[in-house]
Amino acid sequence: MMRFTIHFLLILTVSVCVCGCADFRAKCTNICSIDVKIINYHLKKDYECVRILAARLYARNPCYEADPIVRKEKIRAIFGEKSNYYIPYCLRIMLSHELLETAFSKSPPVKDRVLILALGLKKAIDEAYDTGKGPFLTGCQVDAERLERLYSNIAQANWRLKTYKAANGSPLFLTNQVRKNGHVNMGFEVIMAQMLTRIQDDIYLRSGLEGNLTFRLSTVFLSIL
């Protein structure tokens, strides 16, 4: 019996290693506590929001990448998927707050501000949730202070998307659009609001605090790590 138990544990350990942390996270949700299930779900939806935001920003700002095929390849590269596009080394080595700051800087190292911004948002989520450190087994693995800095950074990015302008006075990013019927397409606002709401929920889920985050928001991008 002892030999069988040890053998089973060895097989289970090898299986987890082979499947990888990301796959294991997805497969373990049925046996994890409710807070872990919620956090995993929020992570999935936040990644989806970054994808959608990038695609819409490209469509609204073709000056940063005119080729629709290349846009898709860039978004795939941001998420580490197989892609024909290779993210420049200077961007890959930056932390999330550096990327977010660069996306709105006067002279970014590459022309494509959408790429820089989306990569910064993706990295910010990864840094805050520490996604490279194996599966979530408890919500306590997520640091509440990192989540608060993530919230602050995304709120700051949301504000800069709407207000920052180039030297000639034109917006760095065209976002919401007034349609012919006079209605304003608030798609970008909705995406950012969804992300902020989920992060705020995770902060409460993790720490139980109900502090008013608007009083702790910074005017600069904060280091999450």
Protein backbone atom coordinates (compact mmCIF):
# COMPACT_ATOMS: atom_id res chain seq x y z
CA MET A 1 0.00 0.00 0.00
CA MET A 2 2.83 2.37 0.92
CA ARG A 3 4.60 1.63 -2.36
CA PHE A 4 1.39 2.33 -4.31
CA THR A 5 0.88 5.67 -2.52
CA ILE A 6 4.44 6.82 -3.23
CA HIS A 7 4.12 5.74 -6.86
CA PHE A 8 0.85 7.66 -7.21
CA LEU A 9 2.35 10.80 -5.73
CA LEU A 10 5.31 10.61 -8.11
CA ILE A 11 2.99 10.27 -11.10
CA LEU A 12 0.90 13.22 -9.88
CA THR A 13 3.99 15.39 -9.44
CA VAL A 14 5.33 14.58 -12.89
CA SER A 15 1.91 15.22 -14.42
CA VAL A 16 1.72 18.66 -12.88
CA CYS A 17 5.20 19.53 -14.17
CA VAL A 18 4.39 18.29 -17.66
CA CYS A 19 1.09 20.09 -17.86
CA GLY A 20 2.66 23.34 -16.72
CA CYS A 21 1.54 25.85 -14.16
CA ALA A 22 -0.93 27.64 -16.42
CA ASP A 23 -2.73 24.44 -17.38
CA PHE A 24 -2.71 23.22 -13.81
CA ARG A 25 -4.30 26.44 -12.65
CA ALA A 26 -7.16 25.92 -15.05
CA LYS A 27 -7.60 22.25 -14.13
CA CYS A 28 -7.48 22.75 -10.38
CA THR A 29 -10.31 25.28 -10.19
CA ASN A 30 -12.86 22.57 -9.41
CA ILE A 31 -11.06 21.62 -6.19
CA CYS A 32 -9.94 25.12 -5.13
CA SER A 33 -11.72 27.48 -2.79
CA ILE A 34 -14.15 30.07 -4.09
CA ASP A 35 -11.65 32.94 -3.79
CA VAL A 36 -9.20 31.12 -6.06
CA LYS A 37 -11.93 30.44 -8.61
CA ILE A 38 -12.90 34.12 -8.62
CA ILE A 39 -9.29 35.30 -9.00
CA ASN A 40 -8.64 32.87 -11.87
CA TYR A 41 -11.83 34.04 -13.57
CA HIS A 42 -10.86 37.69 -13.12
CA LEU A 43 -7.42 37.02 -14.59
CA LYS A 44 -8.97 35.39 -17.65
CA LYS A 45 -11.38 38.29 -18.18
CA ASP A 46 -8.66 40.92 -17.66
CA TYR A 47 -6.51 39.26 -20.33
CA GLU A 48 -9.52 39.32 -22.66
CA CYS A 49 -9.98 43.02 -21.95
CA VAL A 50 -6.36 43.79 -22.85
CA ARG A 51 -6.79 41.91 -26.14
CA ILE A 52 -10.00 43.75 -26.98
CA LEU A 53 -8.56 47.10 -25.95
CA ALA A 54 -5.48 46.60 -28.14
CA ALA A 55 -7.58 45.56 -31.14
CA ARG A 56 -9.88 48.57 -30.77
CA LEU A 57 -7.03 51.01 -30.26
CA TYR A 58 -5.38 49.72 -33.44
CA ALA A 59 -8.64 50.12 -35.35
CA ARG A 60 -9.08 53.65 -34.03
CA ASN A 61 -5.39 54.57 -34.39
CA PRO A 62 -4.10 52.95 -37.61
CA CYS A 63 -1.10 55.31 -37.55
CA TYR A 64 0.54 52.96 -35.04
CA GLU A 65 0.05 49.84 -37.19
CA ALA A 66 -1.76 49.97 -40.50
CA ASP A 67 -1.62 46.26 -41.37
CA PRO A 68 -4.52 44.30 -39.74
CA ILE A 69 -2.59 41.03 -40.02
CA VAL A 70 0.46 42.46 -38.26
CA ARG A 71 -1.81 43.87 -35.55
CA LYS A 72 -3.07 40.37 -34.76
CA GLU A 73 0.47 39.01 -34.73
CA LYS A 74 1.55 41.72 -32.31
CA ILE A 75 -1.32 40.96 -29.94
CA ARG A 76 -0.47 37.27 -30.05
CA ALA A 77 3.16 38.09 -29.25
CA ILE A 78 2.09 40.17 -26.24
CA PHE A 79 0.47 37.07 -24.77
CA GLY A 80 3.41 34.80 -25.54
CA GLU A 81 1.59 32.93 -28.26
CA LYS A 82 3.09 31.69 -31.51
CA SER A 83 3.55 34.73 -33.69
CA ASN A 84 5.46 36.02 -36.69
CA TYR A 85 6.16 39.22 -34.78
CA TYR A 86 9.07 39.55 -32.37
CA ILE A 87 8.68 42.12 -29.61
CA PRO A 88 11.76 44.40 -29.52
CA TYR A 89 14.25 43.58 -26.79
CA CYS A 90 14.09 47.10 -25.37
CA LEU A 91 10.40 46.53 -24.57
CA ARG A 92 10.73 42.96 -23.36
CA ILE A 93 13.15 43.92 -20.58
CA MET A 94 10.99 46.76 -19.23
CA LEU A 95 8.78 46.37 -16.17
CA SER A 96 5.11 47.21 -16.51
CA HIS A 97 5.26 50.71 -15.02
CA GLU A 98 8.15 51.58 -17.34
CA LEU A 99 6.18 50.39 -20.37
CA LEU A 100 3.08 52.33 -19.35
CA GLU A 101 5.12 55.47 -18.84
CA THR A 102 6.83 54.93 -22.22
CA ALA A 103 3.49 54.49 -24.02
CA PHE A 104 2.66 58.12 -23.19
CA SER A 105 6.17 59.56 -23.45
CA LYS A 106 7.23 62.17 -26.01
CA SER A 107 9.69 59.87 -27.81
CA PRO A 108 8.96 56.14 -27.33
CA PRO A 109 11.68 53.73 -28.57
CA VAL A 110 9.27 52.26 -31.13
CA LYS A 111 6.50 53.99 -33.05
CA ASP A 112 3.72 51.64 -31.99
CA ARG A 113 2.26 53.10 -28.80
CA VAL A 114 -0.58 50.56 -28.82
CA LEU A 115 1.93 47.71 -28.61
CA ILE A 116 3.75 49.39 -25.71
CA LEU A 117 0.54 50.14 -23.82
CA ALA A 118 -0.98 46.68 -24.25
CA LEU A 119 2.28 44.98 -23.30
CA GLY A 120 2.49 47.20 -20.23
CA LEU A 121 -1.06 46.30 -19.15
CA LYS A 122 -0.43 42.58 -19.68
CA LYS A 123 2.81 42.73 -17.68
CA ALA A 124 1.12 44.77 -14.95
CA ILE A 125 -1.48 42.07 -14.46
CA ASP A 126 1.18 39.35 -14.41
CA GLU A 127 3.30 41.25 -11.89
CA ALA A 128 0.38 42.01 -9.58
CA TYR A 129 -0.95 38.45 -9.54
CA ASP A 130 2.53 36.89 -9.69
CA THR A 131 1.35 34.58 -12.45
CA GLY A 132 4.77 32.98 -13.03
CA LYS A 133 4.98 31.41 -9.58
CA GLY A 134 2.79 28.34 -10.07
CA PRO A 135 -0.90 27.62 -9.46
CA PHE A 136 -3.12 29.54 -7.08
CA LEU A 137 -4.08 27.36 -4.13
CA THR A 138 -5.33 30.20 -1.93
CA GLY A 139 -6.17 33.87 -2.38
CA CYS A 140 -3.48 34.65 0.21
CA GLN A 141 -0.90 34.10 -2.53
CA VAL A 142 -1.99 37.40 -4.08
CA ASP A 143 -0.45 40.46 -2.44
CA ALA A 144 -3.03 43.15 -1.67
CA GLU A 145 -0.51 46.00 -2.00
CA ARG A 146 0.45 44.84 -5.49
CA LEU A 147 -3.22 44.80 -6.44
CA GLU A 148 -3.63 48.34 -5.15
CA ARG A 149 -0.67 49.52 -7.23
CA LEU A 150 -2.13 47.70 -10.25
CA TYR A 151 -5.44 49.49 -9.69
CA SER A 152 -3.65 52.83 -9.46
CA ASN A 153 -1.65 52.19 -12.64
CA ILE A 154 -4.64 51.12 -14.71
CA ALA A 155 -6.64 54.10 -13.46
CA GLN A 156 -3.73 56.35 -14.46
CA ALA A 157 -3.52 54.70 -17.91
CA ASN A 158 -7.28 55.18 -18.33
CA TRP A 159 -6.95 58.90 -17.55
CA ARG A 160 -3.95 59.37 -19.85
CA LEU A 161 -5.72 57.59 -22.70
CA LYS A 162 -8.37 60.31 -22.60
CA THR A 163 -6.20 63.35 -21.95
CA TYR A 164 -2.60 63.04 -23.21
CA LYS A 165 -1.77 64.86 -26.42
CA ALA A 166 1.11 65.06 -28.87
CA ALA A 167 3.20 68.19 -29.42
CA ASN A 168 0.85 69.31 -32.20
CA GLY A 169 -2.14 69.17 -29.86
CA SER A 170 -3.72 66.01 -31.27
CA PRO A 171 -4.58 63.14 -28.87
CA LEU A 172 -1.95 60.43 -28.53
CA PHE A 173 -4.78 57.89 -28.69
CA LEU A 174 -8.18 58.34 -30.31
CA THR A 175 -10.62 56.47 -28.08
CA ASN A 176 -14.33 57.17 -27.74
CA GLN A 177 -16.06 58.14 -30.94
CA VAL A 178 -19.14 60.25 -31.66
CA ARG A 179 -21.39 58.35 -34.07
CA LYS A 180 -23.52 59.94 -36.78
CA ASN A 181 -26.58 59.68 -34.56
CA GLY A 182 -24.83 61.78 -31.92
CA HIS A 183 -24.28 58.91 -29.49
CA VAL A 184 -20.80 58.45 -28.04
CA ASN A 185 -19.25 54.99 -28.32
CA MET A 186 -17.90 54.45 -24.78
CA GLY A 187 -16.36 51.04 -25.49
CA PHE A 188 -12.94 52.02 -24.18
CA GLU A 189 -14.39 53.41 -20.97
CA VAL A 190 -16.35 50.21 -20.41
CA ILE A 191 -13.29 47.98 -20.90
CA MET A 192 -11.17 49.94 -18.44
CA ALA A 193 -14.02 50.17 -15.93
CA GLN A 194 -14.50 46.40 -16.05
CA MET A 195 -10.83 45.80 -15.29
CA LEU A 196 -10.80 48.31 -12.44
CA THR A 197 -13.93 46.80 -10.91
CA ARG A 198 -12.51 43.28 -10.97
CA ILE A 199 -9.22 44.44 -9.41
CA GLN A 200 -11.08 46.32 -6.69
CA ASP A 201 -13.12 43.19 -5.97
CA ASP A 202 -9.92 41.15 -5.68
CA ILE A 203 -8.45 43.71 -3.27
CA TYR A 204 -11.51 43.33 -1.07
CA LEU A 205 -11.45 39.55 -1.48
CA ARG A 206 -7.78 39.42 -0.52
CA SER A 207 -7.64 41.88 2.37
CA GLY A 208 -11.21 42.56 3.38
CA LEU A 209 -10.55 46.29 3.25
CA GLU A 210 -13.08 48.70 1.82
CA GLY A 211 -10.88 51.79 1.62
CA ASN A 212 -11.74 54.40 -0.98
CA LEU A 213 -9.06 53.76 -3.61
CA THR A 214 -9.63 57.11 -5.29
CA PHE A 215 -7.80 58.77 -2.42
CA ARG A 216 -4.72 56.64 -2.93
CA LEU A 217 -4.31 57.01 -6.68
CA SER A 218 -0.95 58.26 -7.86
CA THR A 219 -0.21 60.75 -10.63
CA VAL A 220 2.61 58.52 -11.89
CA PHE A 221 2.89 54.84 -12.69
CA LEU A 222 3.99 52.84 -9.66
CA SER A 223 6.34 49.87 -9.58
CA ILE A 224 4.29 46.76 -8.79
CA LEU A 225 7.20 44.45 -7.99
